[in-house]
Amino acid sequence: MDKKLTYEEALAQLEKLVEQIEDPDKKLNALSDDLKKAMELIKYCKNCLKKTEEDLSKIVED
């Protein structure tokens, strides 16, 4: 990720990429690039969710 995204921004970018990937007229080279970017965004979103879950667990435990 080039800049620090919020979870919501990353999810919005991911949703846009999914639409582009599902386009039947999409060129193969662009599809590969979009898929790589989507995988990065998925990983980023998972990490955000994991961190939030850990933070919430700490709050509940205290």
N, C-alpha and C. Protein backbone atom coordinates (compact mmCIF):
# COMPACT_ATOMS: atom_id res chain seq x y z
N MET A 1 0.84 -1.19 0.00
CA MET A 1 0.00 0.00 0.00
C MET A 1 0.89 1.25 0.00
N ASP A 2 0.57 2.15 -0.88
CA ASP A 2 1.37 3.36 -0.99
C ASP A 2 1.12 4.32 0.17
N LYS A 3 -0.14 4.48 0.54
CA LYS A 3 -0.45 5.38 1.64
C LYS A 3 -1.31 4.64 2.64
N LYS A 4 -1.41 5.19 3.81
CA LYS A 4 -2.21 4.57 4.85
C LYS A 4 -3.69 4.76 4.52
N LEU A 5 -4.35 3.67 4.22
CA LEU A 5 -5.77 3.71 3.89
C LEU A 5 -6.58 3.35 5.13
N THR A 6 -7.79 3.86 5.18
CA THR A 6 -8.71 3.36 6.19
C THR A 6 -9.28 2.05 5.66
N TYR A 7 -9.88 1.30 6.54
CA TYR A 7 -10.51 0.05 6.13
C TYR A 7 -11.58 0.33 5.08
N GLU A 8 -12.36 1.37 5.30
CA GLU A 8 -13.45 1.71 4.39
C GLU A 8 -12.93 2.09 3.00
N GLU A 9 -11.83 2.83 2.94
CA GLU A 9 -11.24 3.20 1.65
C GLU A 9 -10.71 1.97 0.92
N ALA A 10 -10.05 1.09 1.65
CA ALA A 10 -9.52 -0.13 1.04
C ALA A 10 -10.67 -1.01 0.54
N LEU A 11 -11.72 -1.12 1.31
CA LEU A 11 -12.87 -1.93 0.90
C LEU A 11 -13.53 -1.34 -0.34
N ALA A 12 -13.64 -0.03 -0.41
CA ALA A 12 -14.23 0.61 -1.59
C ALA A 12 -13.38 0.35 -2.83
N GLN A 13 -12.06 0.44 -2.68
CA GLN A 13 -11.17 0.14 -3.81
C GLN A 13 -11.31 -1.31 -4.23
N LEU A 14 -11.42 -2.19 -3.25
CA LEU A 14 -11.57 -3.61 -3.55
C LEU A 14 -12.87 -3.88 -4.30
N GLU A 15 -13.94 -3.27 -3.87
CA GLU A 15 -15.23 -3.45 -4.55
C GLU A 15 -15.16 -2.96 -6.00
N LYS A 16 -14.48 -1.85 -6.21
CA LYS A 16 -14.32 -1.32 -7.56
C LYS A 16 -13.49 -2.28 -8.42
N LEU A 17 -12.43 -2.82 -7.85
CA LEU A 17 -11.60 -3.77 -8.58
C LEU A 17 -12.38 -5.04 -8.93
N VAL A 18 -13.21 -5.51 -8.03
CA VAL A 18 -14.01 -6.70 -8.31
C VAL A 18 -14.92 -6.45 -9.51
N GLU A 19 -15.53 -5.28 -9.56
CA GLU A 19 -16.36 -4.93 -10.71
C GLU A 19 -15.55 -4.96 -12.00
N GLN A 20 -14.34 -4.40 -11.94
CA GLN A 20 -13.48 -4.37 -13.12
C GLN A 20 -13.05 -5.78 -13.53
N ILE A 21 -12.73 -6.62 -12.55
CA ILE A 21 -12.30 -7.99 -12.83
C ILE A 21 -13.44 -8.78 -13.46
N GLU A 22 -14.66 -8.53 -13.03
CA GLU A 22 -15.81 -9.26 -13.55
C GLU A 22 -16.24 -8.79 -14.94
N ASP A 23 -15.68 -7.69 -15.42
CA ASP A 23 -16.01 -7.17 -16.75
C ASP A 23 -15.55 -8.16 -17.82
N PRO A 24 -16.48 -8.68 -18.62
CA PRO A 24 -16.10 -9.69 -19.64
C PRO A 24 -15.19 -9.12 -20.74
N ASP A 25 -15.15 -7.81 -20.90
CA ASP A 25 -14.30 -7.20 -21.93
C ASP A 25 -12.91 -6.85 -21.40
N LYS A 26 -12.62 -7.21 -20.18
CA LYS A 26 -11.33 -6.89 -19.55
C LYS A 26 -10.19 -7.59 -20.27
N LYS A 27 -9.14 -6.85 -20.54
CA LYS A 27 -7.95 -7.42 -21.18
C LYS A 27 -7.18 -8.26 -20.17
N LEU A 28 -6.56 -9.31 -20.65
CA LEU A 28 -5.88 -10.27 -19.79
C LEU A 28 -4.75 -9.63 -18.97
N ASN A 29 -3.96 -8.76 -19.58
CA ASN A 29 -2.85 -8.12 -18.85
C ASN A 29 -3.37 -7.25 -17.72
N ALA A 30 -4.42 -6.51 -17.98
CA ALA A 30 -5.00 -5.65 -16.95
C ALA A 30 -5.64 -6.50 -15.85
N LEU A 31 -6.18 -7.62 -16.21
CA LEU A 31 -6.81 -8.51 -15.24
C LEU A 31 -5.78 -8.98 -14.22
N SER A 32 -4.63 -9.34 -14.68
CA SER A 32 -3.56 -9.79 -13.79
C SER A 32 -3.17 -8.70 -12.80
N ASP A 33 -2.99 -7.49 -13.28
CA ASP A 33 -2.64 -6.37 -12.40
C ASP A 33 -3.73 -6.09 -11.37
N ASP A 34 -4.98 -6.12 -11.84
CA ASP A 34 -6.10 -5.88 -10.93
C ASP A 34 -6.21 -6.97 -9.87
N LEU A 35 -5.96 -8.19 -10.26
CA LEU A 35 -6.03 -9.30 -9.32
C LEU A 35 -4.95 -9.18 -8.24
N LYS A 36 -3.75 -8.78 -8.64
CA LYS A 36 -2.67 -8.59 -7.68
C LYS A 36 -3.03 -7.48 -6.69
N LYS A 37 -3.56 -6.38 -7.19
CA LYS A 37 -3.95 -5.27 -6.33
C LYS A 37 -5.08 -5.70 -5.38
N ALA A 38 -6.03 -6.48 -5.91
CA ALA A 38 -7.14 -6.96 -5.08
C ALA A 38 -6.63 -7.84 -3.95
N MET A 39 -5.67 -8.69 -4.24
CA MET A 39 -5.10 -9.56 -3.20
C MET A 39 -4.40 -8.74 -2.11
N GLU A 40 -3.71 -7.68 -2.50
CA GLU A 40 -3.08 -6.79 -1.52
C GLU A 40 -4.13 -6.13 -0.63
N LEU A 41 -5.21 -5.68 -1.26
CA LEU A 41 -6.28 -5.03 -0.50
C LEU A 41 -6.98 -6.01 0.44
N ILE A 42 -7.18 -7.23 0.00
CA ILE A 42 -7.78 -8.25 0.86
C ILE A 42 -6.90 -8.49 2.08
N LYS A 43 -5.62 -8.63 1.86
CA LYS A 43 -4.69 -8.84 2.97
C LYS A 43 -4.72 -7.65 3.93
N TYR A 44 -4.73 -6.45 3.38
CA TYR A 44 -4.77 -5.24 4.20
C TYR A 44 -6.06 -5.20 5.04
N CYS A 45 -7.20 -5.50 4.41
CA CYS A 45 -8.47 -5.48 5.12
C CYS A 45 -8.50 -6.53 6.23
N LYS A 46 -7.98 -7.72 5.95
CA LYS A 46 -7.92 -8.76 6.97
C LYS A 46 -7.08 -8.31 8.16
N ASN A 47 -5.95 -7.67 7.87
CA ASN A 47 -5.09 -7.18 8.95
C ASN A 47 -5.79 -6.10 9.77
N CYS A 48 -6.52 -5.22 9.10
CA CYS A 48 -7.28 -4.19 9.82
C CYS A 48 -8.31 -4.81 10.75
N LEU A 49 -9.03 -5.80 10.24
CA LEU A 49 -10.05 -6.47 11.05
C LEU A 49 -9.43 -7.21 12.22
N LYS A 50 -8.30 -7.86 11.99
CA LYS A 50 -7.62 -8.59 13.06
C LYS A 50 -7.16 -7.63 14.16
N LYS A 51 -6.59 -6.50 13.75
CA LYS A 51 -6.13 -5.52 14.74
C LYS A 51 -7.30 -4.96 15.54
N THR A 52 -8.39 -4.66 14.86
CA THR A 52 -9.57 -4.13 15.55
C THR A 52 -10.11 -5.16 16.53
N GLU A 53 -10.15 -6.42 16.11
CA GLU A 53 -10.64 -7.48 16.99
C GLU A 53 -9.75 -7.59 18.24
N GLU A 54 -8.44 -7.52 18.05
CA GLU A 54 -7.51 -7.58 19.18
C GLU A 54 -7.71 -6.40 20.12
N ASP A 55 -7.87 -5.21 19.55
CA ASP A 55 -8.09 -4.01 20.36
C ASP A 55 -9.38 -4.12 21.17
N LEU A 56 -10.43 -4.61 20.53
CA LEU A 56 -11.71 -4.75 21.22
C LEU A 56 -11.64 -5.81 22.31
N SER A 57 -10.91 -6.88 22.06
CA SER A 57 -10.74 -7.91 23.09
C SER A 57 -10.01 -7.37 24.30
N LYS A 58 -9.02 -6.53 24.10
CA LYS A 58 -8.29 -5.92 25.21
C LYS A 58 -9.21 -5.02 26.03
N ILE A 59 -10.06 -4.27 25.33
CA ILE A 59 -10.98 -3.37 26.02
C ILE A 59 -11.98 -4.16 26.85
N VAL A 60 -12.51 -5.22 26.28
CA VAL A 60 -13.51 -6.05 26.98
C VAL A 60 -12.87 -6.75 28.18
N GLU A 61 -11.65 -7.19 28.05
CA GLU A 61 -10.95 -7.89 29.13
C GLU A 61 -10.63 -6.97 30.30
N ASP A 62 -10.43 -5.70 30.03
CA ASP A 62 -10.06 -4.75 31.10
C ASP A 62 -11.21 -4.38 31.95
